[in-house]
Amino acid sequence: MEYNYAITISYDGELYADFKTADMLEAVDVWNKCVDHGFAKEYATYNLSDPIGKMYTKTFYANGEVSVK
């Protein structure tokens, strides 16, 4: 299957999982579920890449801080 969207999940700088899909709505649904630091000890980073090369990043820290780019 060809995909256009990719989401990667990293905990404390180590790749935990990746998800690929051709469906924009499915990618956005998965992206919207990334809401906390998950299993990370210090921080979790979530990246969403779209077909035109734009990358969106959310970082959740265990202390409650959040960074969105």
Protein backbone atom coordinates (compact mmCIF):
# COMPACT_ATOMS: atom_id res chain seq x y z
CA MET A 1 0.00 0.00 0.00
CA GLU A 2 1.24 3.46 -0.83
CA TYR A 3 0.95 5.96 1.99
CA ASN A 4 1.00 9.74 2.17
CA TYR A 5 0.94 10.38 5.90
CA ALA A 6 3.26 9.08 8.60
CA ILE A 7 3.15 9.43 12.38
CA THR A 8 6.12 8.49 14.52
CA ILE A 9 6.11 8.16 18.29
CA SER A 10 9.33 8.43 20.29
CA TYR A 11 9.71 8.05 24.04
CA ASP A 12 12.78 9.68 25.58
CA GLY A 13 14.40 9.94 22.14
CA GLU A 14 13.87 6.27 21.16
CA LEU A 15 11.46 5.29 18.39
CA TYR A 16 8.49 3.49 19.94
CA ALA A 17 6.09 3.13 17.00
CA ASP A 18 5.20 4.40 13.57
CA PHE A 19 1.95 4.53 11.68
CA LYS A 20 1.50 5.06 7.94
CA THR A 21 -1.67 5.65 5.96
CA ALA A 22 -2.93 7.09 2.69
CA ASP A 23 -6.07 8.41 4.44
CA MET A 24 -5.81 12.00 5.75
CA LEU A 25 -8.77 11.61 8.13
CA GLU A 26 -7.27 8.46 9.63
CA ALA A 27 -3.93 10.25 10.12
CA VAL A 28 -5.62 13.21 11.82
CA ASP A 29 -7.61 10.86 14.06
CA VAL A 30 -4.42 9.11 15.23
CA TRP A 31 -2.64 12.48 15.62
CA ASN A 32 -5.46 13.82 17.82
CA LYS A 33 -5.08 10.84 20.15
CA CYS A 34 -1.49 11.89 20.98
CA VAL A 35 -2.25 13.84 24.15
CA ASP A 36 0.31 12.98 26.87
CA HIS A 37 3.78 11.60 27.57
CA GLY A 38 2.56 7.99 27.40
CA PHE A 39 5.15 5.47 28.57
CA ALA A 40 8.05 7.96 28.48
CA LYS A 41 10.05 8.68 31.62
CA GLU A 42 10.90 12.25 30.57
CA TYR A 43 9.21 13.16 27.27
CA ALA A 44 7.29 11.84 24.28
CA THR A 45 7.61 13.25 20.78
CA TYR A 46 4.93 12.76 18.13
CA ASN A 47 5.59 13.68 14.49
CA LEU A 48 3.05 13.85 11.68
CA SER A 49 4.40 14.15 8.13
CA ASP A 50 2.11 15.05 5.25
CA PRO A 51 2.47 14.46 1.48
CA ILE A 52 3.95 17.91 0.75
CA GLY A 53 6.77 17.40 3.25
CA LYS A 54 5.41 19.44 6.17
CA MET A 55 6.09 17.95 9.59
CA TYR A 56 4.04 18.75 12.68
CA THR A 57 5.53 17.96 16.09
CA LYS A 58 4.05 17.66 19.56
CA THR A 59 6.27 17.05 22.58
CA PHE A 60 4.78 16.17 25.96
CA TYR A 61 7.01 16.26 29.03
CA ALA A 62 6.45 14.24 32.19
CA ASN A 63 6.37 17.51 34.20
CA GLY A 64 3.29 18.65 32.23
CA GLU A 65 4.96 21.00 29.74
CA VAL A 66 3.83 20.79 26.11
CA SER A 67 5.55 22.01 22.94
CA VAL A 68 3.73 22.11 19.59
CA LYS A 69 5.41 23.05 16.30
